[in-house]
N, C-alpha and C. Protein backbone atom coordinates (compact mmCIF):
# COMPACT_ATOMS: atom_id res chain seq x y z
N MET A 1 -5.53 23.72 35.75
CA MET A 1 -5.17 22.57 35.31
C MET A 1 -3.86 22.38 36.89
N ASN A 2 -3.96 21.86 38.09
CA ASN A 2 -2.97 21.88 39.12
C ASN A 2 -2.20 21.04 38.74
N GLN A 3 -0.96 20.93 40.35
CA GLN A 3 0.21 20.18 39.79
C GLN A 3 -0.52 18.52 38.92
N ALA A 4 -0.82 18.33 40.46
CA ALA A 4 -0.95 16.78 40.34
C ALA A 4 -2.01 16.46 38.92
N THR A 5 -2.49 17.16 38.32
CA THR A 5 -3.20 16.69 36.78
C THR A 5 -2.15 16.67 35.61
N THR A 6 -1.78 17.47 36.14
CA THR A 6 -0.16 18.15 35.13
C THR A 6 0.64 16.78 35.14
N ILE A 7 0.41 16.55 36.65
CA ILE A 7 1.95 14.95 36.42
C ILE A 7 1.04 14.40 35.83
N LEU A 8 -0.26 14.11 36.30
CA LEU A 8 -0.75 13.10 35.73
C LEU A 8 -0.42 12.94 34.65
N THR A 9 -1.38 13.90 33.68
CA THR A 9 -1.35 14.45 32.12
C THR A 9 0.51 13.91 31.59
N CYS A 10 1.24 14.73 31.92
CA CYS A 10 2.38 14.76 31.64
C CYS A 10 2.52 13.11 31.55
N SER A 11 2.74 11.84 32.69
CA SER A 11 2.49 10.93 33.36
C SER A 11 2.50 9.84 32.06
N ALA A 12 1.15 10.22 31.76
CA ALA A 12 -0.15 9.58 30.76
C ALA A 12 0.54 9.44 29.44
N LEU A 13 0.88 10.35 28.81
CA LEU A 13 1.62 10.78 27.73
C LEU A 13 2.82 9.66 27.60
N LEU A 14 4.14 9.77 28.38
CA LEU A 14 5.00 9.44 28.56
C LEU A 14 5.11 8.12 28.80
N GLU A 15 3.39 7.73 29.19
CA GLU A 15 3.89 5.65 29.28
C GLU A 15 3.00 5.98 27.59
N ALA A 16 2.28 6.35 26.65
CA ALA A 16 1.11 6.62 25.81
C ALA A 16 2.96 6.14 24.43
N TYR A 17 3.94 7.27 25.13
CA TYR A 17 4.65 7.15 24.29
C TYR A 17 5.75 6.47 24.16
N ILE A 18 6.09 5.27 24.90
CA ILE A 18 7.26 4.63 24.90
C ILE A 18 6.69 2.82 24.74
N LEU A 19 5.03 2.86 25.35
CA LEU A 19 3.89 2.00 24.07
C LEU A 19 4.18 2.12 23.06
N LYS A 20 4.27 3.61 22.56
CA LYS A 20 4.08 2.92 20.76
C LYS A 20 5.12 3.09 20.36
N TYR A 21 6.77 3.50 20.48
CA TYR A 21 7.48 3.04 20.33
C TYR A 21 8.47 1.73 20.96
N ILE A 22 8.17 1.06 22.14
CA ILE A 22 9.25 0.28 22.38
C ILE A 22 9.68 -0.77 21.03
N PRO A 23 8.03 -1.49 20.85
CA PRO A 23 7.99 -2.93 19.84
C PRO A 23 9.21 -1.84 18.35
N PHE A 24 9.39 -1.19 17.85
CA PHE A 24 9.59 -0.35 16.94
C PHE A 24 12.00 -0.63 17.73
N ALA A 25 11.78 -0.30 18.73
CA ALA A 25 12.99 -0.06 19.38
C ALA A 25 13.39 -1.20 19.30
N LEU A 26 12.63 -2.90 19.37
CA LEU A 26 13.16 -4.01 20.03
C LEU A 26 13.01 -4.55 18.75
N ALA A 27 12.90 -4.06 17.67
CA ALA A 27 12.80 -4.91 16.32
C ALA A 27 14.08 -4.11 15.82
N LEU A 28 14.72 -2.98 16.08
CA LEU A 28 16.04 -2.07 15.69
C LEU A 28 16.72 -3.03 16.41
N LEU A 29 16.68 -3.62 17.62
CA LEU A 29 17.31 -3.60 18.46
C LEU A 29 18.52 -5.64 17.77
N LEU A 30 16.94 -6.38 17.52
CA LEU A 30 17.14 -6.99 17.28
C LEU A 30 17.27 -7.54 15.65
N SER A 31 17.12 -6.38 15.16
CA SER A 31 17.92 -6.51 13.53
C SER A 31 18.96 -6.09 13.36
N GLY A 32 19.76 -5.44 14.78
CA GLY A 32 21.10 -4.88 14.73
C GLY A 32 22.07 -6.63 15.07
N CYS A 33 21.25 -7.31 15.29
CA CYS A 33 22.58 -8.47 14.58
C CYS A 33 22.53 -9.71 13.38
N ALA A 34 20.74 -8.75 12.62
CA ALA A 34 20.98 -9.62 11.92
C ALA A 34 21.80 -9.85 10.14
N SER A 35 22.36 -10.75 10.09
CA SER A 35 23.54 -11.06 8.98
C SER A 35 23.02 -11.77 7.84
N SER A 36 23.27 -11.90 6.92
CA SER A 36 22.72 -12.71 5.35
C SER A 36 23.35 -13.24 5.67
N GLY A 37 24.85 -14.10 6.26
CA GLY A 37 25.20 -15.21 5.74
C GLY A 37 26.51 -14.81 4.33
N VAL A 38 27.26 -15.87 4.30
CA VAL A 38 28.19 -15.63 2.76
C VAL A 38 27.08 -15.99 1.57
N VAL A 39 27.38 -15.26 1.15
CA VAL A 39 26.03 -15.02 -0.44
C VAL A 39 26.97 -15.07 -1.34
N PRO A 40 26.63 -16.26 -2.25
CA PRO A 40 27.41 -16.03 -3.37
C PRO A 40 26.80 -15.68 -4.91
N LEU A 41 27.37 -14.37 -5.01
CA LEU A 41 27.52 -13.49 -5.85
C LEU A 41 27.67 -13.95 -7.91
N THR A 42 28.75 -14.85 -7.73
CA THR A 42 29.25 -15.75 -8.42
C THR A 42 29.65 -16.74 -8.36
N SER A 43 30.42 -17.50 -9.05
CA SER A 43 31.71 -18.78 -8.17
C SER A 43 32.78 -18.32 -8.09
N GLU A 44 32.39 -17.30 -8.12
CA GLU A 44 34.47 -16.87 -7.37
C GLU A 44 34.30 -15.79 -6.96
N LYS A 45 32.56 -14.81 -6.41
CA LYS A 45 32.38 -13.81 -5.55
C LYS A 45 31.64 -13.84 -4.39
N PHE A 46 31.90 -13.54 -3.57
CA PHE A 46 30.69 -13.47 -1.86
C PHE A 46 30.55 -12.05 -1.24
N MET A 47 29.43 -12.03 -1.05
CA MET A 47 28.82 -11.02 0.05
C MET A 47 28.29 -11.36 1.01
N ILE A 48 28.87 -10.29 1.70
CA ILE A 48 28.59 -10.58 3.14
C ILE A 48 27.50 -9.08 3.62
N SER A 49 26.11 -9.08 4.16
CA SER A 49 25.47 -7.80 4.27
C SER A 49 24.92 -8.37 5.93
N LYS A 50 25.45 -6.66 7.03
CA LYS A 50 24.55 -7.05 8.52
C LYS A 50 24.32 -5.63 8.57
N ASN A 51 22.73 -5.04 8.88
CA ASN A 51 22.30 -4.87 9.31
C ASN A 51 22.98 -4.07 11.14
N THR A 52 23.10 -2.64 10.91
CA THR A 52 23.67 -2.30 11.98
C THR A 52 23.31 -1.61 13.20
N VAL A 53 22.69 -1.27 14.02
CA VAL A 53 22.13 -0.34 15.15
C VAL A 53 23.14 0.19 15.88
N LYS A 54 22.86 1.36 16.03
CA LYS A 54 23.68 2.98 16.92
C LYS A 54 23.36 3.44 17.55
N PHE A 55 23.06 3.48 18.69
CA PHE A 55 21.94 4.40 19.14
C PHE A 55 22.56 6.15 18.46
N GLY A 56 21.36 6.42 18.52
CA GLY A 56 21.89 8.27 17.85
C GLY A 56 22.36 8.15 16.09
N GLY A 57 21.82 6.84 15.70
CA GLY A 57 22.08 6.58 14.23
C GLY A 57 23.39 6.38 13.93
N GLY A 58 24.58 6.68 12.91
CA GLY A 58 25.88 6.52 12.26
C GLY A 58 26.09 4.40 12.43
N ILE A 59 27.40 3.82 12.55
CA ILE A 59 27.43 2.99 11.96
C ILE A 59 27.86 1.84 13.01
N SER A 60 27.56 0.63 13.22
CA SER A 60 28.40 0.24 14.40
C SER A 60 29.80 -0.12 14.84
N ALA A 61 30.32 0.21 15.61
CA ALA A 61 32.54 0.52 15.03
C ALA A 61 32.32 -1.04 15.19
N SER A 62 31.75 -2.04 15.64
CA SER A 62 32.24 -3.19 15.52
C SER A 62 31.64 -4.26 13.74
N ALA A 63 31.35 -3.53 13.44
CA ALA A 63 30.13 -3.93 12.48
C ALA A 63 31.32 -4.63 11.43
N ALA A 64 32.05 -3.88 10.88
CA ALA A 64 32.43 -3.80 10.33
C ALA A 64 33.38 -5.69 9.77
N SER A 65 34.29 -4.72 11.33
CA SER A 65 35.20 -6.48 12.05
C SER A 65 34.19 -8.01 11.70
N GLU A 66 32.71 -7.07 12.42
CA GLU A 66 31.94 -8.99 12.11
C GLU A 66 31.49 -9.52 11.15
N VAL A 67 31.19 -8.69 9.23
CA VAL A 67 31.92 -8.97 8.60
C VAL A 67 32.61 -9.99 7.67
N HIS A 68 34.18 -8.80 8.18
CA HIS A 68 35.08 -9.95 7.77
C HIS A 68 35.93 -11.03 8.42
N GLU A 69 34.91 -10.76 9.38
CA GLU A 69 35.89 -12.42 10.27
C GLU A 69 34.60 -13.36 10.04
N GLU A 70 33.39 -12.91 9.05
CA GLU A 70 33.06 -14.33 9.03
C GLU A 70 33.36 -14.78 7.65
N ALA A 71 33.71 -13.13 6.66
CA ALA A 71 34.42 -13.52 5.70
C ALA A 71 35.31 -14.73 5.31
N ASN A 72 36.70 -13.82 6.02
CA ASN A 72 37.17 -14.94 7.27
C ASN A 72 38.01 -15.52 7.53
N ASP A 73 36.09 -16.33 8.08
CA ASP A 73 35.52 -17.89 8.48
C ASP A 73 35.81 -18.92 7.20
N PHE A 74 35.66 -18.35 6.15
CA PHE A 74 34.25 -18.24 5.77
C PHE A 74 35.51 -19.40 4.49
N CYS A 75 36.32 -18.21 3.81
CA CYS A 75 37.76 -18.23 3.19
C CYS A 75 38.66 -19.06 3.39
N SER A 76 39.00 -19.02 5.27
CA SER A 76 39.56 -19.96 6.08
C SER A 76 39.24 -21.52 5.84
N LYS A 77 37.82 -22.12 5.96
CA LYS A 77 37.70 -23.47 5.24
C LYS A 77 38.31 -23.93 4.23
N GLN A 78 38.69 -23.14 2.94
CA GLN A 78 39.13 -23.56 2.64
C GLN A 78 40.63 -23.49 2.35
N GLY A 79 41.49 -23.27 3.00
CA GLY A 79 42.45 -22.75 2.72
C GLY A 79 43.19 -22.15 2.36
N LYS A 80 41.92 -20.90 2.47
CA LYS A 80 42.42 -19.71 1.95
C LYS A 80 42.09 -18.30 2.43
N LYS A 81 42.45 -17.87 1.91
CA LYS A 81 42.37 -15.82 2.58
C LYS A 81 41.34 -15.00 1.89
N VAL A 82 40.82 -13.79 2.94
CA VAL A 82 39.68 -12.94 2.09
C VAL A 82 40.96 -12.10 0.95
N GLU A 83 40.35 -11.70 0.15
CA GLU A 83 40.59 -10.32 -0.41
C GLU A 83 39.40 -9.90 -0.69
N THR A 84 39.21 -8.61 -0.16
CA THR A 84 38.24 -7.13 0.16
C THR A 84 37.66 -6.80 -1.76
N ILE A 85 36.78 -7.27 -2.54
CA ILE A 85 36.71 -6.76 -3.57
C ILE A 85 35.76 -5.24 -3.36
N ASP A 86 34.75 -4.71 -2.68
CA ASP A 86 34.15 -3.48 -2.20
C ASP A 86 32.94 -3.77 -0.55
N LEU A 87 33.75 -2.74 0.50
CA LEU A 87 33.02 -2.83 1.30
C LEU A 87 32.63 -1.71 1.74
N GLN A 88 31.47 -1.63 1.01
CA GLN A 88 29.87 0.02 1.75
C GLN A 88 29.49 -0.10 3.48
N LEU A 89 29.97 1.05 3.67
CA LEU A 89 29.20 1.30 5.26
C LEU A 89 28.52 1.95 5.44
N THR A 90 26.74 1.95 5.08
CA THR A 90 25.62 2.33 4.83
C THR A 90 24.85 3.17 6.79
N PRO A 91 25.59 4.25 6.26
CA PRO A 91 25.22 4.47 8.83
C PRO A 91 23.66 4.48 8.48
N GLY A 92 23.21 4.01 9.42
CA GLY A 92 21.81 4.66 9.94
C GLY A 92 21.57 5.95 10.62
N ARG A 93 20.42 6.19 10.54
CA ARG A 93 19.50 7.59 11.11
C ARG A 93 19.03 7.42 12.94
N VAL A 94 18.57 8.37 13.20
CA VAL A 94 18.08 7.90 14.23
C VAL A 94 16.23 7.19 13.20
N GLY A 95 15.98 6.28 14.17
CA GLY A 95 14.36 5.34 14.01
C GLY A 95 15.22 4.10 12.39
N SER A 96 16.53 4.64 11.59
CA SER A 96 16.11 2.91 10.68
C SER A 96 17.58 2.40 11.01
N ALA A 97 17.75 1.32 11.03
CA ALA A 97 19.54 0.33 10.88
C ALA A 97 20.12 0.85 9.77
N GLY A 98 21.62 0.78 9.76
CA GLY A 98 22.34 1.32 8.97
C GLY A 98 23.16 -0.63 8.69
N ALA A 99 23.74 -0.89 7.64
CA ALA A 99 24.40 -1.71 7.38
C ALA A 99 25.58 -1.24 6.63
N VAL A 100 26.52 -2.91 6.62
CA VAL A 100 28.16 -2.55 6.14
C VAL A 100 27.56 -4.48 5.37
N THR A 101 28.16 -3.90 4.28
CA THR A 101 28.23 -4.86 2.53
C THR A 101 29.46 -5.09 2.06
N LEU A 102 30.27 -6.36 2.34
CA LEU A 102 31.50 -7.18 2.48
C LEU A 102 31.37 -8.20 1.22
N GLN A 103 32.37 -7.07 -0.51
CA GLN A 103 32.13 -8.44 -1.02
C GLN A 103 33.82 -8.64 -1.74
N PHE A 104 34.17 -10.58 -1.48
CA PHE A 104 34.90 -10.22 -1.37
C PHE A 104 34.78 -12.07 -1.98
N ARG A 105 36.15 -12.17 -2.33
CA ARG A 105 36.78 -13.43 -3.07
C ARG A 105 37.95 -14.30 -2.16
N CYS A 106 37.68 -15.35 -2.22
CA CYS A 106 38.61 -16.46 -1.59
C CYS A 106 40.37 -16.72 -1.99
N THR A 107 41.35 -16.42 -1.65
CA THR A 107 42.60 -16.26 -3.36
C THR A 107 43.40 -17.42 -2.67
């Protein structure tokens, strides 16, 4: 193989790799914005879950504050404050989204 053929082959492999994984990367990025919204678990207990995407895995730094903010907005509309029952942080890995799940009540 000469140098021109090697460059062309590497270029073709890179293009095939990019085309194969771009849809997957876009799906992860779009799901990074996904929030369940407030889900009632009982008449007094609620949950919000948010998918997080961070390059290289882990948890987005803003995800936990975003679910708390959403819970605060929900409770403040009732003239109440958020009481956290449980907060679960599930880190993502390369190729999979993480999640932040907040269970709360309004007091």
